[in-house]
């Protein structure tokens, strides 16, 4: 599933952003991949 959001950019302007959850296990793991923004390609929390 892809989630869309708007993040603060230069001079407070909103920048469109989207990410897809690539792995999820309740209480243990969450990983995502950026699909339409400048924040970075992959994140993970364990």
C-alpha atoms as a PDB file:
ATOM      1  CA  UNK A   1       0.000   0.000   0.000  1.00  0.00           C
ATOM      2  CA  UNK A   2       1.300   3.474  -0.861  1.00  0.00           C
ATOM      3  CA  UNK A   3       0.773   6.387   1.514  1.00  0.00           C
ATOM      4  CA  UNK A   4       0.839   9.961   0.248  1.00  0.00           C
ATOM      5  CA  UNK A   5       1.669  12.990   2.366  1.00  0.00           C
ATOM      6  CA  UNK A   6       3.072  16.512   2.137  1.00  0.00           C
ATOM      7  CA  UNK A   7       6.274  17.455   3.925  1.00  0.00           C
ATOM      8  CA  UNK A   8       7.756  20.877   4.695  1.00  0.00           C
ATOM      9  CA  UNK A   9      10.270  22.014   2.117  1.00  0.00           C
ATOM     10  CA  UNK A  10      12.354  25.134   1.538  1.00  0.00           C
ATOM     11  CA  UNK A  11      10.725  28.366   2.742  1.00  0.00           C
ATOM     12  CA  UNK A  12       7.917  26.332   4.340  1.00  0.00           C
ATOM     13  CA  UNK A  13       6.464  25.214   1.018  1.00  0.00           C
ATOM     14  CA  UNK A  14       4.761  21.818   0.933  1.00  0.00           C
ATOM     15  CA  UNK A  15       6.432  19.076  -1.111  1.00  0.00           C
ATOM     16  CA  UNK A  16       4.455  15.995  -2.210  1.00  0.00           C
ATOM     17  CA  UNK A  17       5.830  12.768  -0.799  1.00  0.00           C
ATOM     18  CA  UNK A  18       4.854   9.102  -1.008  1.00  0.00           C
ATOM     19  CA  UNK A  19       6.125   5.894   0.534  1.00  0.00           C
ATOM     20  CA  UNK A  20       5.332   2.192   0.398  1.00  0.00           C
ATOM     21  CA  UNK A  21       5.501  -0.099   3.422  1.00  0.00           C
ATOM     22  CA  UNK A  22       7.785  -2.989   2.442  1.00  0.00           C
ATOM     23  CA  UNK A  23       7.837  -4.981   5.696  1.00  0.00           C
ATOM     24  CA  UNK A  24       5.667  -4.950   8.798  1.00  0.00           C
ATOM     25  CA  UNK A  25       5.530  -7.171  11.867  1.00  0.00           C
ATOM     26  CA  UNK A  26       3.532  -5.858  14.840  1.00  0.00           C
ATOM     27  CA  UNK A  27       5.714  -4.739  17.766  1.00  0.00           C
ATOM     28  CA  UNK A  28       8.949  -5.657  15.979  1.00  0.00           C
ATOM     29  CA  UNK A  29       9.552  -4.301  12.453  1.00  0.00           C
ATOM     30  CA  UNK A  30       8.518  -1.529  10.071  1.00  0.00           C
ATOM     31  CA  UNK A  31      10.309  -0.823   6.776  1.00  0.00           C
ATOM     32  CA  UNK A  32       9.370   1.568   3.984  1.00  0.00           C
ATOM     33  CA  UNK A  33      10.614   2.771   0.629  1.00  0.00           C
ATOM     34  CA  UNK A  34      10.223   6.307  -0.704  1.00  0.00           C
ATOM     35  CA  UNK A  35       8.467   6.382  -4.049  1.00  0.00           C
ATOM     36  CA  UNK A  36       8.016  10.097  -4.815  1.00  0.00           C
ATOM     37  CA  UNK A  37      10.072  12.429  -2.647  1.00  0.00           C
ATOM     38  CA  UNK A  38      13.527  13.707  -1.862  1.00  0.00           C
ATOM     39  CA  UNK A  39      13.869  12.385   1.704  1.00  0.00           C
ATOM     40  CA  UNK A  40      15.721   9.164   0.908  1.00  0.00           C
ATOM     41  CA  UNK A  41      15.100   5.797  -0.666  1.00  0.00           C
ATOM     42  CA  UNK A  42      14.663   3.345   2.230  1.00  0.00           C
ATOM     43  CA  UNK A  43      13.995   3.422   5.972  1.00  0.00           C
ATOM     44  CA  UNK A  44      13.630   0.702   8.579  1.00  0.00           C
ATOM     45  CA  UNK A  45      12.832   0.508  12.277  1.00  0.00           C
ATOM     46  CA  UNK A  46      13.241  -2.608  14.356  1.00  0.00           C
END
